[in-house]
PDB file of N, CA and C in Angstrom:
ATOM      1  N   MET A   1       1.184  -1.240   0.377  1.00  0.00           N
ATOM      2  CA  MET A   1       0.187  -0.050   0.090  1.00  0.00           C
ATOM      3  C   MET A   1       0.895   1.851  -0.180  1.00  0.00           C
ATOM      4  N   PRO A   2       0.537   2.105  -0.856  1.00  0.00           N
ATOM      5  CA  PRO A   2       1.240   3.440  -1.241  1.00  0.00           C
ATOM      6  C   PRO A   2       1.401   4.524  -0.050  1.00  0.00           C
ATOM      7  N   ASP A   3       2.686   5.009   0.918  1.00  0.00           N
ATOM      8  CA  ASP A   3       2.755   5.452   1.929  1.00  0.00           C
ATOM      9  C   ASP A   3       1.153   7.087   1.862  1.00  0.00           C
ATOM     10  N   GLY A   4       0.379   6.919   2.613  1.00  0.00           N
ATOM     11  CA  GLY A   4      -0.834   7.835   3.140  1.00  0.00           C
ATOM     12  C   GLY A   4      -1.850   6.730   2.259  1.00  0.00           C
ATOM     13  N   ALA A   5      -1.578   6.182   1.721  1.00  0.00           N
ATOM     14  CA  ALA A   5      -3.316   6.116   0.756  1.00  0.00           C
ATOM     15  C   ALA A   5      -4.181   5.547   2.040  1.00  0.00           C
ATOM     16  N   ALA A   6      -4.065   5.234   2.890  1.00  0.00           N
ATOM     17  CA  ALA A   6      -4.963   4.991   3.996  1.00  0.00           C
ATOM     18  C   ALA A   6      -5.271   6.066   4.453  1.00  0.00           C
ATOM     19  N   ASP A   7      -4.883   6.944   3.997  1.00  0.00           N
ATOM     20  CA  ASP A   7      -5.690   8.389   4.651  1.00  0.00           C
ATOM     21  C   ASP A   7      -6.377   8.780   3.995  1.00  0.00           C
ATOM     22  N   ARG A   8      -6.518   8.141   2.730  1.00  0.00           N
ATOM     23  CA  ARG A   8      -7.414   9.277   2.021  1.00  0.00           C
ATOM     24  C   ARG A   8      -9.048   8.662   1.524  1.00  0.00           C
ATOM     25  N   ILE A   9      -9.685   9.777   1.765  1.00  0.00           N
ATOM     26  CA  ILE A   9     -10.695   9.067   1.272  1.00  0.00           C
ATOM     27  C   ILE A   9     -11.660   9.553  -0.032  1.00  0.00           C
ATOM     28  N   ILE A  10     -11.733   8.060  -0.493  1.00  0.00           N
ATOM     29  CA  ILE A  10     -12.488   8.032  -1.977  1.00  0.00           C
ATOM     30  C   ILE A  10     -13.897   8.861  -2.452  1.00  0.00           C
ATOM     31  N   ALA A  11     -15.124   8.228  -1.356  1.00  0.00           N
ATOM     32  CA  ALA A  11     -16.014   8.368  -1.290  1.00  0.00           C
ATOM     33  C   ALA A  11     -16.930   8.257  -0.140  1.00  0.00           C
ATOM     34  N   ILE A  12     -17.650   9.611  -0.074  1.00  0.00           N
ATOM     35  CA  ILE A  12     -19.139   9.910   0.828  1.00  0.00           C
ATOM     36  C   ILE A  12     -19.985  10.110   0.762  1.00  0.00           C
ATOM     37  N   GLY A  13     -21.387   9.298   1.803  1.00  0.00           N
ATOM     38  CA  GLY A  13     -22.179   8.876   0.916  1.00  0.00           C
ATOM     39  C   GLY A  13     -23.745   8.774   1.881  1.00  0.00           C
ATOM     40  N   GLU A  14     -24.380   9.027   1.308  1.00  0.00           N
ATOM     41  CA  GLU A  14     -26.133   9.322   2.259  1.00  0.00           C
ATOM     42  C   GLU A  14     -26.524   8.343   1.533  1.00  0.00           C
ATOM     43  N   ALA A  15     -27.397   7.372   2.730  1.00  0.00           N
ATOM     44  CA  ALA A  15     -28.550   5.946   2.066  1.00  0.00           C
ATOM     45  C   ALA A  15     -29.651   6.787   2.720  1.00  0.00           C
ATOM     46  N   GLU A  16     -30.988   6.735   2.375  1.00  0.00           N
ATOM     47  CA  GLU A  16     -32.190   7.333   2.410  1.00  0.00           C
ATOM     48  C   GLU A  16     -32.735   6.064   2.387  1.00  0.00           C
ATOM     49  N   GLY A  17     -34.356   5.868   3.234  1.00  0.00           N
ATOM     50  CA  GLY A  17     -34.983   5.120   3.672  1.00  0.00           C
ATOM     51  C   GLY A  17     -36.525   5.638   2.832  1.00  0.00           C
ATOM     52  N   THR A  18     -35.924   6.983   3.032  1.00  0.00           N
ATOM     53  CA  THR A  18     -37.864   7.824   3.247  1.00  0.00           C
ATOM     54  C   THR A  18     -38.586   7.338   1.698  1.00  0.00           C
ATOM     55  N   ALA A  19     -40.137   7.480   2.246  1.00  0.00           N
ATOM     56  CA  ALA A  19     -40.435   6.860   0.871  1.00  0.00           C
ATOM     57  C   ALA A  19     -41.474   8.617  -0.021  1.00  0.00           C
ATOM     58  N   ALA A  20     -40.314   9.587   0.118  1.00  0.00           N
ATOM     59  CA  ALA A  20     -40.097  10.235  -0.687  1.00  0.00           C
ATOM     60  C   ALA A  20     -38.336   9.751  -1.793  1.00  0.00           C
ATOM     61  N   PRO A  21     -39.112  10.939  -2.950  1.00  0.00           N
ATOM     62  CA  PRO A  21     -37.506  10.593  -3.187  1.00  0.00           C
ATOM     63  C   PRO A  21     -36.357  11.785  -2.913  1.00  0.00           C
ATOM     64  N   THR A  22     -35.164  11.765  -3.220  1.00  0.00           N
ATOM     65  CA  THR A  22     -33.865  12.553  -2.801  1.00  0.00           C
ATOM     66  C   THR A  22     -33.787  13.701  -3.902  1.00  0.00           C
ATOM     67  N   ALA A  23     -33.667  14.028  -3.152  1.00  0.00           N
ATOM     68  CA  ALA A  23     -33.518  15.862  -3.745  1.00  0.00           C
ATOM     69  C   ALA A  23     -32.370  15.742  -3.976  1.00  0.00           C
ATOM     70  N   VAL A  24     -32.414  17.614  -4.963  1.00  0.00           N
ATOM     71  CA  VAL A  24     -31.233  17.885  -4.924  1.00  0.00           C
ATOM     72  C   VAL A  24     -30.444  18.612  -3.355  1.00  0.00           C
ATOM     73  N   ALA A  25     -31.263  19.239  -2.454  1.00  0.00           N
ATOM     74  CA  ALA A  25     -30.522  19.188  -1.353  1.00  0.00           C
ATOM     75  C   ALA A  25     -29.396  18.645   0.021  1.00  0.00           C
ATOM     76  N   GLN A  26     -29.847  16.915  -0.563  1.00  0.00           N
ATOM     77  CA  GLN A  26     -28.856  16.046  -0.095  1.00  0.00           C
ATOM     78  C   GLN A  26     -27.450  15.741  -0.289  1.00  0.00           C
ATOM     79  N   LEU A  27     -27.658  16.323  -2.443  1.00  0.00           N
ATOM     80  CA  LEU A  27     -26.941  16.392  -3.212  1.00  0.00           C
ATOM     81  C   LEU A  27     -25.636  17.635  -2.155  1.00  0.00           C
ATOM     82  N   GLN A  28     -26.638  18.588  -2.011  1.00  0.00           N
ATOM     83  CA  GLN A  28     -25.435  19.639  -1.387  1.00  0.00           C
ATOM     84  C   GLN A  28     -25.626  19.773  -0.271  1.00  0.00           C
ATOM     85  N   ARG A  29     -25.570  18.874   0.809  1.00  0.00           N
ATOM     86  CA  ARG A  29     -25.445  18.402   1.787  1.00  0.00           C
ATOM     87  C   ARG A  29     -24.127  18.282   1.882  1.00  0.00           C
ATOM     88  N   LEU A  30     -23.322  16.923   1.320  1.00  0.00           N
ATOM     89  CA  LEU A  30     -22.414  16.247   0.446  1.00  0.00           C
ATOM     90  C   LEU A  30     -21.625  17.165   0.304  1.00  0.00           C
ATOM     91  N   GLU A  31     -21.822  17.647  -0.354  1.00  0.00           N
ATOM     92  CA  GLU A  31     -20.765  18.508  -0.894  1.00  0.00           C
ATOM     93  C   GLU A  31     -20.608  19.675  -0.447  1.00  0.00           C
ATOM     94  N   HIS A  32     -20.911  20.233   1.018  1.00  0.00           N
ATOM     95  CA  HIS A  32     -20.235  20.662   1.866  1.00  0.00           C
ATOM     96  C   HIS A  32     -19.990  20.277   2.938  1.00  0.00           C
ATOM     97  N   LEU A  33     -20.202  18.359   2.989  1.00  0.00           N
ATOM     98  CA  LEU A  33     -19.284  18.556   3.909  1.00  0.00           C
ATOM     99  C   LEU A  33     -18.354  17.400   3.715  1.00  0.00           C
ATOM    100  N   ARG A  34     -18.468  17.181   2.025  1.00  0.00           N
ATOM    101  CA  ARG A  34     -16.639  16.853   1.079  1.00  0.00           C
ATOM    102  C   ARG A  34     -16.159  18.640   0.947  1.00  0.00           C
ATOM    103  N   GLY A  35     -15.901  19.187   2.090  1.00  0.00           N
ATOM    104  CA  GLY A  35     -15.048  20.928   1.454  1.00  0.00           C
ATOM    105  C   GLY A  35     -14.614  20.570   2.046  1.00  0.00           C
ATOM    106  N   PRO A  36     -14.393  20.479   3.498  1.00  0.00           N
ATOM    107  CA  PRO A  36     -13.225  20.521   4.898  1.00  0.00           C
ATOM    108  C   PRO A  36     -12.427  19.710   4.190  1.00  0.00           C
ATOM    109  N   LEU A  37     -12.955  17.935   3.563  1.00  0.00           N
ATOM    110  CA  LEU A  37     -11.519  17.190   4.134  1.00  0.00           C
ATOM    111  C   LEU A  37     -10.088  17.362   3.204  1.00  0.00           C
ATOM    112  N   PRO A  38      -9.093  17.099   2.744  1.00  0.00           N
ATOM    113  CA  PRO A  38      -7.640  16.721   2.561  1.00  0.00           C
ATOM    114  C   PRO A  38      -8.147  16.429   1.369  1.00  0.00           C
ATOM    115  N   SER A  39      -8.706  15.476   1.069  1.00  0.00           N
ATOM    116  CA  SER A  39      -8.346  15.114  -0.498  1.00  0.00           C
ATOM    117  C   SER A  39      -9.479  15.783  -1.465  1.00  0.00           C
ATOM    118  N   ALA A  40      -9.991  16.680  -0.797  1.00  0.00           N
ATOM    119  CA  ALA A  40     -11.332  17.725  -1.858  1.00  0.00           C
ATOM    120  C   ALA A  40     -10.524  18.601  -1.736  1.00  0.00           C
ATOM    121  N   ARG A  41      -9.761  19.564  -1.193  1.00  0.00           N
ATOM    122  CA  ARG A  41      -8.817  20.389  -0.664  1.00  0.00           C
ATOM    123  C   ARG A  41      -7.102  19.829  -1.535  1.00  0.00           C
ATOM    124  N   ALA A  42      -7.347  18.317  -1.727  1.00  0.00           N
ATOM    125  CA  ALA A  42      -5.816  18.860  -2.860  1.00  0.00           C
ATOM    126  C   ALA A  42      -6.365  18.239  -4.019  1.00  0.00           C
ATOM    127  N   GLY A  43      -6.825  18.340  -4.919  1.00  0.00           N
ATOM    128  CA  GLY A  43      -7.440  17.913  -6.777  1.00  0.00           C
ATOM    129  C   GLY A  43      -7.740  16.590  -6.864  1.00  0.00           C
ATOM    130  N   ALA A  44      -7.674  15.936  -5.790  1.00  0.00           N
ATOM    131  CA  ALA A  44      -8.786  14.802  -5.325  1.00  0.00           C
ATOM    132  C   ALA A  44      -9.978  14.704  -5.256  1.00  0.00           C
ATOM    133  N   PRO A  45     -10.945  14.989  -5.219  1.00  0.00           N
ATOM    134  CA  PRO A  45     -11.804  15.498  -4.388  1.00  0.00           C
ATOM    135  C   PRO A  45     -12.818  13.650  -4.305  1.00  0.00           C
ATOM    136  N   PRO A  46     -13.466  13.281  -2.953  1.00  0.00           N
ATOM    137  CA  PRO A  46     -14.387  12.199  -3.119  1.00  0.00           C
ATOM    138  C   PRO A  46     -15.515  12.326  -3.921  1.00  0.00           C
ATOM    139  N   LYS A  47     -15.354  11.550  -4.419  1.00  0.00           N
ATOM    140  CA  LYS A  47     -17.235  10.856  -4.382  1.00  0.00           C
ATOM    141  C   LYS A  47     -18.565  10.926  -4.310  1.00  0.00           C
ATOM    142  N   LEU A  48     -19.294  11.066  -4.750  1.00  0.00           N
ATOM    143  CA  LEU A  48     -20.540  11.493  -3.498  1.00  0.00           C
ATOM    144  C   LEU A  48     -21.969  10.351  -3.978  1.00  0.00           C
ATOM    145  N   LEU A  49     -21.876   9.866  -3.073  1.00  0.00           N
ATOM    146  CA  LEU A  49     -22.592   8.504  -3.451  1.00  0.00           C
ATOM    147  C   LEU A  49     -24.365   8.696  -2.559  1.00  0.00           C
ATOM    148  N   LEU A  50     -24.816   8.446  -3.561  1.00  0.00           N
ATOM    149  CA  LEU A  50     -26.512   8.876  -2.330  1.00  0.00           C
ATOM    150  C   LEU A  50     -26.974   7.768  -3.208  1.00  0.00           C
ATOM    151  N   LEU A  51     -27.496   6.666  -2.107  1.00  0.00           N
ATOM    152  CA  LEU A  51     -28.339   5.920  -1.676  1.00  0.00           C
ATOM    153  C   LEU A  51     -29.782   6.001  -1.495  1.00  0.00           C
ATOM    154  N   ALA A  52     -31.265   5.435  -2.413  1.00  0.00           N
ATOM    155  CA  ALA A  52     -31.909   5.468  -1.580  1.00  0.00           C
ATOM    156  C   ALA A  52     -33.396   4.521  -1.798  1.00  0.00           C
ATOM    157  N   ARG A  53     -34.076   4.706  -1.274  1.00  0.00           N
ATOM    158  CA  ARG A  53     -35.393   3.582  -1.657  1.00  0.00           C
ATOM    159  C   ARG A  53     -36.311   4.209  -2.749  1.00  0.00           C
ATOM    160  N   SER A  54     -36.438   4.851  -2.431  1.00  0.00           N
ATOM    161  CA  SER A  54     -37.641   5.915  -3.279  1.00  0.00           C
ATOM    162  C   SER A  54     -37.182   6.840  -4.796  1.00  0.00           C
ATOM    163  N   GLY A  55     -35.853   6.396  -5.029  1.00  0.00           N
ATOM    164  CA  GLY A  55     -35.414   6.701  -6.219  1.00  0.00           C
ATOM    165  C   GLY A  55     -35.241   8.807  -5.908  1.00  0.00           C
ATOM    166  N   PHE A  56     -35.060   9.031  -7.375  1.00  0.00           N
ATOM    167  CA  PHE A  56     -34.602  10.755  -7.361  1.00  0.00           C
ATOM    168  C   PHE A  56     -35.358  11.311  -7.859  1.00  0.00           C
ATOM    169  N   THR A  57     -34.950  12.414  -7.508  1.00  0.00           N
ATOM    170  CA  THR A  57     -36.573  14.055  -7.943  1.00  0.00           C
ATOM    171  C   THR A  57     -35.529  14.367 -10.304  1.00  0.00           C
ATOM    172  N   ASP A  58     -36.704  14.330 -10.628  1.00  0.00           N
ATOM    173  CA  ASP A  58     -35.732  14.057 -11.513  1.00  0.00           C
ATOM    174  C   ASP A  58     -34.634  15.769 -12.007  1.00  0.00           C
ATOM    175  N   ASP A  59     -35.047  16.760 -11.185  1.00  0.00           N
ATOM    176  CA  ASP A  59     -33.713  17.738 -10.422  1.00  0.00           C
ATOM    177  C   ASP A  59     -32.145  17.231 -10.170  1.00  0.00           C
ATOM    178  N   LEU A  60     -31.971  16.832  -9.188  1.00  0.00           N
ATOM    179  CA  LEU A  60     -31.107  15.707  -8.771  1.00  0.00           C
ATOM    180  C   LEU A  60     -31.682  14.506 -10.101  1.00  0.00           C
ATOM    181  N   VAL A  61     -31.482  14.298 -10.491  1.00  0.00           N
ATOM    182  CA  VAL A  61     -30.844  13.317 -11.928  1.00  0.00           C
ATOM    183  C   VAL A  61     -30.703  14.065 -13.187  1.00  0.00           C
ATOM    184  N   HIS A  62     -30.486  14.951 -13.387  1.00  0.00           N
ATOM    185  CA  HIS A  62     -30.115  15.711 -13.433  1.00  0.00           C
ATOM    186  C   HIS A  62     -29.194  17.459 -13.779  1.00  0.00           C
ATOM    187  N   THR A  63     -28.906  17.325 -12.462  1.00  0.00           N
ATOM    188  CA  THR A  63     -28.520  17.560 -11.954  1.00  0.00           C
ATOM    189  C   THR A  63     -26.435  16.543 -11.743  1.00  0.00           C
ATOM    190  N   ALA A  64     -26.965  15.765 -11.417  1.00  0.00           N
ATOM    191  CA  ALA A  64     -26.027  14.492 -11.103  1.00  0.00           C
ATOM    192  C   ALA A  64     -25.129  13.599 -13.248  1.00  0.00           C
ATOM    193  N   ALA A  65     -26.268  13.627 -13.873  1.00  0.00           N
ATOM    194  CA  ALA A  65     -26.303  13.858 -15.501  1.00  0.00           C
ATOM    195  C   ALA A  65     -24.673  14.414 -15.819  1.00  0.00           C
ATOM    196  N   GLY A  66     -24.836  15.137 -15.456  1.00  0.00           N
ATOM    197  CA  GLY A  66     -23.460  16.138 -16.430  1.00  0.00           C
ATOM    198  C   GLY A  66     -22.167  15.473 -15.256  1.00  0.00           C
ATOM    199  N   ARG A  67     -22.816  15.640 -14.185  1.00  0.00           N
ATOM    200  CA  ARG A  67     -20.686  15.181 -12.966  1.00  0.00           C
ATOM    201  C   ARG A  67     -20.798  13.733 -12.489  1.00  0.00           C
ATOM    202  N   ALA A  68     -18.949  13.519 -13.239  1.00  0.00           N
ATOM    203  CA  ALA A  68     -18.423  12.363 -12.961  1.00  0.00           C
ATOM    204  C   ALA A  68     -17.486  11.804 -11.238  1.00  0.00           C
ATOM    205  N   ASP A  69     -18.044  12.834 -11.007  1.00  0.00           N
ATOM    206  CA  ASP A  69     -18.453  12.912  -9.016  1.00  0.00           C
ATOM    207  C   ASP A  69     -19.405  12.843  -8.237  1.00  0.00           C
ATOM    208  N   VAL A  70     -20.408  11.922  -9.318  1.00  0.00           N
ATOM    209  CA  VAL A  70     -21.988  12.204  -8.039  1.00  0.00           C
ATOM    210  C   VAL A  70     -21.946  10.544  -8.772  1.00  0.00           C
ATOM    211  N   GLU A  71     -22.995   9.626  -7.663  1.00  0.00           N
ATOM    212  CA  GLU A  71     -23.730   8.248  -8.288  1.00  0.00           C
ATOM    213  C   GLU A  71     -24.756   8.690  -7.817  1.00  0.00           C
ATOM    214  N   LEU A  72     -25.389   8.271  -7.892  1.00  0.00           N
ATOM    215  CA  LEU A  72     -27.058   7.404  -7.863  1.00  0.00           C
ATOM    216  C   LEU A  72     -27.339   6.112  -7.290  1.00  0.00           C
ATOM    217  N   ILE A  73     -27.475   5.944  -6.918  1.00  0.00           N
ATOM    218  CA  ILE A  73     -28.327   4.728  -6.454  1.00  0.00           C
ATOM    219  C   ILE A  73     -29.439   3.330  -6.023  1.00  0.00           C
ATOM    220  N   ASP A  74     -30.315   3.958  -6.600  1.00  0.00           N
ATOM    221  CA  ASP A  74     -31.918   3.897  -6.539  1.00  0.00           C
ATOM    222  C   ASP A  74     -31.752   1.772  -5.667  1.00  0.00           C
ATOM    223  N   ILE A  75     -32.479   1.712  -5.635  1.00  0.00           N
ATOM    224  CA  ILE A  75     -32.683  -0.075  -5.494  1.00  0.00           C
ATOM    225  C   ILE A  75     -32.490  -0.672  -5.905  1.00  0.00           C
ATOM    226  N   GLY A  76     -33.010  -0.432  -7.414  1.00  0.00           N
ATOM    227  CA  GLY A  76     -32.467  -1.731  -8.401  1.00  0.00           C
ATOM    228  C   GLY A  76     -31.210  -1.747  -8.938  1.00  0.00           C
ATOM    229  N   ARG A  77     -30.878  -1.038  -9.071  1.00  0.00           N
ATOM    230  CA  ARG A  77     -29.013  -1.072  -9.419  1.00  0.00           C
ATOM    231  C   ARG A  77     -28.860  -1.692  -7.654  1.00  0.00           C
ATOM    232  N   LEU A  78     -29.138  -1.259  -6.505  1.00  0.00           N
ATOM    233  CA  LEU A  78     -28.342  -1.835  -4.820  1.00  0.00           C
ATOM    234  C   LEU A  78     -28.700  -3.201  -5.620  1.00  0.00           C
ATOM    235  N   TYR A  79     -29.573  -3.347  -5.787  1.00  0.00           N
ATOM    236  CA  TYR A  79     -29.877  -5.097  -5.573  1.00  0.00           C
ATOM    237  C   TYR A  79     -29.141  -5.560  -6.839  1.00  0.00           C
ATOM    238  N   GLY A  80     -29.743  -5.350  -8.276  1.00  0.00           N
ATOM    239  CA  GLY A  80     -29.722  -6.085  -9.534  1.00  0.00           C
ATOM    240  C   GLY A  80     -28.451  -6.214 -10.167  1.00  0.00           C
ATOM    241  N   GLY A  81     -27.669  -4.523  -9.328  1.00  0.00           N
ATOM    242  CA  GLY A  81     -26.638  -4.221 -10.690  1.00  0.00           C
ATOM    243  C   GLY A  81     -26.375  -3.403 -11.100  1.00  0.00           C
ATOM    244  N   ALA A  82     -27.714  -2.888 -11.878  1.00  0.00           N
ATOM    245  CA  ALA A  82     -27.964  -2.297 -12.958  1.00  0.00           C
ATOM    246  C   ALA A  82     -27.698  -0.505 -13.256  1.00  0.00           C
TER     247      ALA A  82
END
């Protein structure tokens, strides 16, 4: 293992089990939490993972579509791998 590799955070995430779809506010919350992380400031920001039982709002899907640092994982993908 390279020196310092154990200290690197590669992803942070949040799982939502609510009946309502996950919205952009949850993504913004994760972005806020990622900001102070050393790897975020060093040019290698951790990926943001959102897992949701009830899916995602259209706004969140649209926002995440153009971003390589965001993964949306719904129940089908979680259990089916799609």
